[in-house]
Amino acid sequence: MWFQAELYKLLYGSPSLPHALLIKGARGIGKQIFAQSVAQALLCEDRSAQASACGQCAACTWFLNGTHPDFKVISPITDEMVEASAESEGPKLKSSAWIVIDQIRQISDFIHVSGHRRGPRVVLIHPAETLNPNAANALLKNLEEPPPGVHFLLVTHRPHSLVSTILSRCQQLSLPLPNHQSAIQWLTDQGVSQSELALALSSGAPLLALSRHQEGAFNGRNELFAKISQADFDPVSTADSLSEQPLERFLAWMQQWTYDINSQILINKVRYNIDFKSKIESISNMVNRNSMLRLHRLLIREQRTVQHPLNTKLYIETVLMAYSAAISTKQVTDVY
């Protein structure tokens, strides 16, 4: 899509591709698609000078159909994979949020057998941060002394979550955010209304913006912000109106909203909620700055670790009361 220059530099910018490559970058920018493009280019039997796979040779046909014998994908086992295994004659799978050691053990046979096409063999692992400790240790053994012609591609948006021994054995490639206008045009082509706003709310990550649009993750956002843009809004009735919204979504909205208020105060800039810029400018002129900054920091911490509380409505009320206190023109005691 938008990483052709990076793909060309990777495949032709050095004498040889590293045997282990860690592809990192923000969530939702297309890292996995890039890794698949690298894998297909490596396996293609008629690759072009522009680094792209031809898309027509036997190897590309197998790759696009998901049947290339020299390409292996390791990722957490989903419910769909479990259902497929139940209908097959092979081993039955069990869903998991983690990549487990049994999956990594499968790699050993794969990499130590000659390639079916007498060419390279490629292992794609994503998201790499879902490797559990035992799986990570097992993978390390394969990364230390891989057979000739074997390439490992690890994809992650949380490289800090990987053990240092794996990081030290991988060459790292950091992918940037896509070009802003290219991303907006792509989202528009995908049928995303208000593509510029969707991109801003997704921190410039177009695939994340598309996914959120398709999941309806922006539904209800305008109604919330229209209410809390008023200095005299009622936290209790507003919390009532949010009873159907997932708590994680509410916290994400509030984190971005408080970020924009603080950003407007400090550098006169709104990053996320560009459609509410005038409202945010007005709020920034009456806000209790210290309270708003503290609230934003708390929301960041809780968004990362929050578990569904016993009383969601009361929890939301508490956050909105803290916000109400922060935008009050009076100096009031924090309640959060």
Protein backbone atom coordinates (compact mmCIF):
# COMPACT_ATOMS: atom_id res chain seq x y z
CA MET A 1 0.00 0.00 0.00
CA TRP A 2 2.25 2.81 1.26
CA PHE A 3 5.53 1.13 2.20
CA GLN A 4 6.97 0.41 -1.24
CA ALA A 5 10.07 2.52 -0.57
CA GLU A 6 10.73 0.67 2.69
CA LEU A 7 10.19 -2.68 0.95
CA TYR A 8 12.65 -1.82 -1.82
CA LYS A 9 15.28 -0.59 0.65
CA LEU A 10 14.91 -3.72 2.74
CA LEU A 11 15.26 -6.16 -0.14
CA TYR A 12 17.84 -4.31 -2.23
CA GLY A 13 19.48 -1.80 0.12
CA SER A 14 21.86 -4.30 1.71
CA PRO A 15 23.80 -7.34 0.49
CA SER A 16 21.50 -9.77 2.28
CA LEU A 17 18.30 -9.80 4.27
CA PRO A 18 18.78 -10.55 7.98
CA HIS A 19 17.69 -14.01 9.08
CA ALA A 20 15.50 -12.42 11.79
CA LEU A 21 13.69 -9.13 11.22
CA LEU A 22 11.54 -7.37 13.81
CA ILE A 23 9.01 -5.09 12.10
CA LYS A 24 7.67 -2.53 14.54
CA GLY A 25 5.51 0.57 14.44
CA ALA A 26 2.21 2.01 15.60
CA ARG A 27 -0.84 -0.25 15.75
CA GLY A 28 -3.00 -0.20 12.64
CA ILE A 29 -0.53 1.15 10.05
CA GLY A 30 -0.20 -2.09 8.04
CA LYS A 31 2.82 -3.82 9.55
CA GLN A 32 1.39 -7.29 9.01
CA ILE A 33 0.56 -6.52 5.39
CA PHE A 34 4.11 -5.23 4.94
CA ALA A 35 5.52 -8.42 6.47
CA GLN A 36 3.38 -10.50 4.11
CA SER A 37 4.68 -8.45 1.19
CA VAL A 38 8.25 -9.16 2.32
CA ALA A 39 7.49 -12.88 2.61
CA GLN A 40 5.81 -13.04 -0.80
CA ALA A 41 8.69 -11.15 -2.43
CA LEU A 42 11.21 -13.57 -0.89
CA LEU A 43 9.27 -16.58 -2.13
CA CYS A 44 8.36 -15.15 -5.55
CA GLU A 45 10.11 -16.91 -8.44
CA ASP A 46 9.91 -13.93 -10.80
CA ARG A 47 10.32 -10.87 -8.58
CA SER A 48 10.41 -7.45 -10.26
CA ALA A 49 13.20 -4.91 -9.93
CA GLN A 50 10.80 -2.79 -7.86
CA ALA A 51 10.90 -5.44 -5.11
CA SER A 52 7.29 -6.46 -5.62
CA ALA A 53 6.26 -10.06 -6.06
CA CYS A 54 5.01 -10.80 -9.57
CA GLY A 55 1.69 -12.18 -8.34
CA GLN A 56 1.53 -14.67 -11.22
CA CYS A 57 4.15 -17.37 -10.73
CA ALA A 58 3.29 -20.67 -9.05
CA ALA A 59 4.85 -19.51 -5.77
CA CYS A 60 2.76 -16.32 -5.72
CA THR A 61 -0.40 -18.25 -6.55
CA TRP A 62 0.19 -20.59 -3.62
CA PHE A 63 1.06 -17.68 -1.36
CA LEU A 64 -2.09 -15.73 -2.23
CA ASN A 65 -4.19 -18.86 -1.68
CA GLY A 66 -2.56 -19.45 1.70
CA THR A 67 -1.07 -22.78 0.64
CA HIS A 68 2.62 -22.06 0.03
CA PRO A 69 4.54 -24.97 1.61
CA ASP A 70 7.56 -22.78 2.48
CA PHE A 71 5.61 -20.11 4.35
CA LYS A 72 4.43 -20.56 7.93
CA VAL A 73 2.39 -18.11 10.03
CA ILE A 74 2.42 -18.30 13.82
CA SER A 75 -0.25 -16.30 15.68
CA PRO A 76 -2.60 -16.81 18.63
CA ILE A 77 -5.21 -19.48 17.94
CA THR A 78 -8.59 -17.87 17.29
CA ASP A 79 -12.08 -19.32 17.66
CA GLU A 80 -12.29 -19.53 13.86
CA MET A 81 -9.12 -21.65 13.78
CA VAL A 82 -10.58 -23.92 16.46
CA GLU A 83 -13.76 -24.41 14.44
CA ALA A 84 -11.75 -25.22 11.32
CA SER A 85 -9.66 -27.79 13.20
CA ALA A 86 -12.81 -29.47 14.49
CA GLU A 87 -13.89 -30.13 10.91
CA SER A 88 -10.49 -31.44 9.81
CA GLU A 89 -8.70 -34.70 10.46
CA GLY A 90 -5.67 -32.99 12.00
CA PRO A 91 -5.03 -32.13 15.66
CA LYS A 92 -7.74 -30.21 17.47
CA LEU A 93 -6.84 -26.69 18.51
CA LYS A 94 -7.69 -24.67 21.60
CA SER A 95 -8.15 -20.92 21.40
CA SER A 96 -5.73 -18.70 23.28
CA ALA A 97 -4.76 -15.05 23.53
CA TRP A 98 -1.10 -16.15 23.47
CA ILE A 99 1.29 -17.89 21.14
CA VAL A 100 2.14 -21.08 23.04
CA ILE A 101 5.17 -23.35 23.05
CA ASP A 102 3.53 -26.11 21.00
CA GLN A 103 3.15 -23.68 18.10
CA ILE A 104 6.84 -22.75 18.25
CA ARG A 105 7.86 -26.40 18.39
CA GLN A 106 6.22 -26.85 14.99
CA ILE A 107 8.79 -24.46 13.55
CA SER A 108 11.69 -26.84 14.13
CA ASP A 109 10.49 -29.43 11.62
CA PHE A 110 9.54 -26.70 9.17
CA ILE A 111 12.93 -24.94 9.10
CA HIS A 112 15.08 -28.06 9.15
CA VAL A 113 13.48 -29.64 6.10
CA SER A 114 14.61 -28.53 2.65
CA GLY A 115 12.27 -26.07 0.98
CA HIS A 116 9.74 -27.59 -1.37
CA ARG A 117 10.80 -25.15 -4.11
CA ARG A 118 14.52 -25.29 -3.20
CA GLY A 119 14.27 -21.65 -2.18
CA PRO A 120 13.90 -19.72 1.06
CA ARG A 121 11.56 -20.60 3.91
CA VAL A 122 9.77 -17.83 5.77
CA VAL A 123 8.22 -17.82 9.24
CA LEU A 124 5.91 -14.90 10.11
CA ILE A 125 5.12 -14.37 13.80
CA HIS A 126 2.48 -11.83 14.77
CA PRO A 127 1.78 -10.17 17.09
CA ALA A 128 5.17 -11.04 18.53
CA GLU A 129 4.26 -9.56 21.91
CA THR A 130 1.77 -12.41 22.40
CA LEU A 131 4.56 -14.99 22.73
CA ASN A 132 4.23 -16.44 26.22
CA PRO A 133 7.48 -16.92 28.21
CA ASN A 134 7.90 -20.59 27.26
CA ALA A 135 7.20 -19.90 23.61
CA ALA A 136 9.66 -16.99 23.62
CA ASN A 137 12.40 -19.20 25.06
CA ALA A 138 11.70 -21.90 22.48
CA LEU A 139 11.78 -19.35 19.66
CA LEU A 140 15.12 -18.04 20.90
CA LYS A 141 16.75 -21.39 20.16
CA ASN A 142 15.56 -21.20 16.55
CA LEU A 143 16.74 -17.61 16.16
CA GLU A 144 20.25 -18.34 17.40
CA GLU A 145 21.34 -20.73 14.63
CA PRO A 146 18.73 -20.91 11.85
CA PRO A 147 19.48 -23.08 8.80
CA PRO A 148 20.56 -21.28 5.62
CA GLY A 149 17.71 -19.74 3.65
CA VAL A 150 15.38 -19.39 6.65
CA HIS A 151 13.90 -15.97 7.43
CA PHE A 152 11.97 -15.02 10.56
CA LEU A 153 9.65 -12.00 10.36
CA LEU A 154 8.33 -10.79 13.73
CA VAL A 155 5.66 -8.08 13.81
CA THR A 156 4.85 -5.97 16.87
CA HIS A 157 3.57 -2.61 18.05
CA ARG A 158 4.94 -3.31 21.54
CA PRO A 159 8.63 -4.13 21.11
CA HIS A 160 9.23 -3.27 24.78
CA SER A 161 7.12 -6.32 25.67
CA LEU A 162 9.58 -8.70 24.04
CA VAL A 163 12.43 -10.24 26.01
CA SER A 164 15.80 -8.60 25.43
CA THR A 165 17.36 -11.82 24.13
CA ILE A 166 14.91 -11.92 21.21
CA LEU A 167 15.38 -8.21 20.50
CA SER A 168 19.15 -8.65 20.42
CA ARG A 169 18.92 -11.39 17.78
CA CYS A 170 16.69 -9.43 15.40
CA GLN A 171 17.44 -6.58 13.07
CA GLN A 172 14.76 -4.00 13.77
CA LEU A 173 12.80 -2.08 11.15
CA SER A 174 10.59 0.77 12.35
CA LEU A 175 7.76 1.65 9.97
CA PRO A 176 6.49 5.26 10.08
CA LEU A 177 2.92 6.48 9.92
CA PRO A 178 1.65 6.50 6.33
CA ASN A 179 1.51 9.75 4.39
CA HIS A 180 -1.45 11.72 5.74
CA GLN A 181 -3.13 12.49 2.42
CA SER A 182 -2.55 8.97 1.09
CA ALA A 183 -4.14 7.51 4.20
CA ILE A 184 -7.17 9.82 3.94
CA GLN A 185 -7.65 8.92 0.28
CA TRP A 186 -7.37 5.21 1.06
CA LEU A 187 -9.98 5.49 3.82
CA THR A 188 -12.28 7.39 1.49
CA ASP A 189 -11.88 4.65 -1.11
CA GLN A 190 -12.87 2.12 1.57
CA GLY A 191 -16.13 3.98 2.12
CA VAL A 192 -15.22 5.65 5.42
CA SER A 193 -17.23 8.82 5.92
CA GLN A 194 -15.35 11.72 7.52
CA SER A 195 -12.09 9.96 6.75
CA GLU A 196 -9.92 12.82 8.04
CA LEU A 197 -11.67 12.73 11.41
CA ALA A 198 -11.52 8.92 11.58
CA LEU A 199 -7.78 9.08 10.89
CA ALA A 200 -7.21 11.75 13.55
CA LEU A 201 -9.15 9.73 16.14
CA SER A 202 -6.96 6.72 15.29
CA SER A 203 -3.64 8.57 15.69
CA GLY A 204 -2.91 8.52 11.96
CA ALA A 205 -3.26 4.72 11.61
CA PRO A 206 -5.54 4.02 8.62
CA LEU A 207 -6.19 0.31 9.22
CA LEU A 208 -7.14 1.07 12.82
CA ALA A 209 -9.45 3.84 11.59
CA LEU A 210 -11.12 1.47 9.12
CA SER A 211 -11.56 -1.22 11.77
CA ARG A 212 -13.10 1.23 14.23
CA HIS A 213 -15.41 2.60 11.56
CA GLN A 214 -16.62 -0.89 10.68
CA GLU A 215 -17.12 -1.81 14.35
CA GLY A 216 -19.13 1.35 15.03
CA ALA A 217 -16.55 2.50 17.56
CA PHE A 218 -17.39 6.17 16.90
CA ASN A 219 -21.12 5.75 17.53
CA GLY A 220 -22.23 7.82 20.50
CA ARG A 221 -19.10 9.92 20.59
CA ASN A 222 -20.72 13.09 19.22
CA GLU A 223 -23.57 12.86 21.73
CA LEU A 224 -21.15 12.58 24.65
CA PHE A 225 -18.95 15.46 23.59
CA ALA A 226 -21.94 17.69 22.81
CA LYS A 227 -23.01 17.23 26.45
CA ILE A 228 -19.65 17.61 28.17
CA SER A 229 -18.84 20.67 26.07
CA GLN A 230 -21.32 22.51 28.30
CA ALA A 231 -19.92 23.81 31.57
CA ASP A 232 -23.16 22.99 33.40
CA PHE A 233 -23.66 19.45 32.07
CA ASP A 234 -25.08 16.84 34.44
CA PRO A 235 -22.60 13.97 35.10
CA VAL A 236 -25.34 11.68 36.43
CA SER A 237 -27.71 11.91 33.47
CA THR A 238 -24.76 11.77 31.06
CA ALA A 239 -23.57 8.57 32.71
CA ASP A 240 -27.09 7.15 32.28
CA SER A 241 -26.90 7.79 28.54
CA LEU A 242 -23.63 5.84 28.32
CA SER A 243 -24.96 2.62 29.83
CA GLU A 244 -24.71 0.75 26.52
CA GLN A 245 -21.17 1.86 25.68
CA PRO A 246 -18.18 -0.39 26.47
CA LEU A 247 -16.18 1.06 29.34
CA GLU A 248 -12.91 0.84 27.38
CA ARG A 249 -14.47 2.95 24.61
CA PHE A 250 -15.67 5.60 27.05
CA LEU A 251 -12.23 5.80 28.66
CA ALA A 252 -10.55 6.10 25.25
CA TRP A 253 -12.89 8.94 24.28
CA MET A 254 -12.25 10.76 27.55
CA GLN A 255 -8.51 10.26 27.30
CA GLN A 256 -8.43 11.83 23.84
CA TRP A 257 -10.77 14.61 24.93
CA THR A 258 -8.68 15.56 27.98
CA TYR A 259 -5.50 15.25 25.91
CA ASP A 260 -6.87 17.78 23.40
CA ILE A 261 -7.85 20.23 26.14
CA ASN A 262 -4.38 20.06 27.69
CA SER A 263 -2.77 20.30 24.25
CA GLN A 264 -4.86 23.36 23.40
CA ILE A 265 -3.75 25.01 26.64
CA LEU A 266 -0.07 24.24 26.16
CA ILE A 267 0.55 24.45 22.39
CA ASN A 268 -2.72 25.73 20.94
CA LYS A 269 -3.34 22.51 19.01
CA VAL A 270 -6.08 19.87 18.87
CA ARG A 271 -4.85 16.43 17.81
CA TYR A 272 -7.81 14.05 17.95
CA ASN A 273 -11.21 15.72 18.11
CA ILE A 274 -10.74 18.12 15.23
CA ASP A 275 -14.50 18.45 14.69
CA PHE A 276 -14.88 19.88 18.21
CA LYS A 277 -11.95 22.27 17.98
CA SER A 278 -13.96 25.42 18.74
CA LYS A 279 -15.59 23.78 21.77
CA ILE A 280 -12.22 22.62 23.07
CA GLU A 281 -10.80 26.12 22.64
CA SER A 282 -13.63 27.53 24.73
CA ILE A 283 -13.20 24.90 27.46
CA SER A 284 -9.45 25.50 27.63
CA ASN A 285 -10.12 29.10 28.65
CA MET A 286 -12.10 28.13 31.75
CA VAL A 287 -10.49 24.88 32.79
CA ASN A 288 -8.82 24.10 36.11
CA ARG A 289 -5.53 23.19 34.46
CA ASN A 290 -3.95 21.15 37.24
CA SER A 291 -7.12 19.10 37.70
CA MET A 292 -7.42 18.45 33.97
CA LEU A 293 -3.81 17.32 33.72
CA ARG A 294 -4.20 14.98 36.68
CA LEU A 295 -7.41 13.55 35.25
CA HIS A 296 -5.76 12.90 31.89
CA ARG A 297 -2.86 11.06 33.52
CA LEU A 298 -5.26 8.92 35.53
CA LEU A 299 -7.27 8.04 32.42
CA ILE A 300 -4.12 6.92 30.61
CA ARG A 301 -3.19 4.59 33.45
CA GLU A 302 -6.67 3.19 33.82
CA GLN A 303 -7.21 2.65 30.11
CA ARG A 304 -4.20 0.34 30.11
CA THR A 305 -5.21 -1.68 33.12
CA VAL A 306 -8.93 -1.22 33.75
CA GLN A 307 -11.03 -4.25 34.58
CA HIS A 308 -14.78 -4.17 34.33
CA PRO A 309 -15.90 -2.74 37.70
CA LEU A 310 -18.82 -4.01 39.73
CA ASN A 311 -20.78 -0.83 39.03
CA THR A 312 -19.95 0.59 35.61
CA LYS A 313 -22.44 3.45 35.86
CA LEU A 314 -20.99 4.62 39.16
CA TYR A 315 -17.48 4.42 37.72
CA ILE A 316 -18.46 6.57 34.72
CA GLU A 317 -20.23 9.04 37.02
CA THR A 318 -17.03 9.39 39.06
CA VAL A 319 -14.94 10.16 35.94
CA LEU A 320 -17.50 12.68 34.66
CA MET A 321 -17.75 14.37 38.06
CA ALA A 322 -13.96 14.78 38.09
CA TYR A 323 -14.14 16.22 34.59
CA SER A 324 -16.97 18.55 35.60
CA ALA A 325 -14.90 19.81 38.51
CA ALA A 326 -11.91 20.38 36.23
CA ILE A 327 -13.84 22.58 33.78
CA SER A 328 -15.50 24.59 36.55
CA THR A 329 -14.51 28.24 36.71
CA LYS A 330 -14.37 27.85 40.49
CA GLN A 331 -11.50 26.28 42.35
CA VAL A 332 -13.07 23.11 43.74
CA THR A 333 -11.67 20.04 45.41
CA ASP A 334 -10.92 17.11 43.09
CA VAL A 335 -13.27 14.15 43.47
CA TYR A 336 -11.24 11.67 41.45
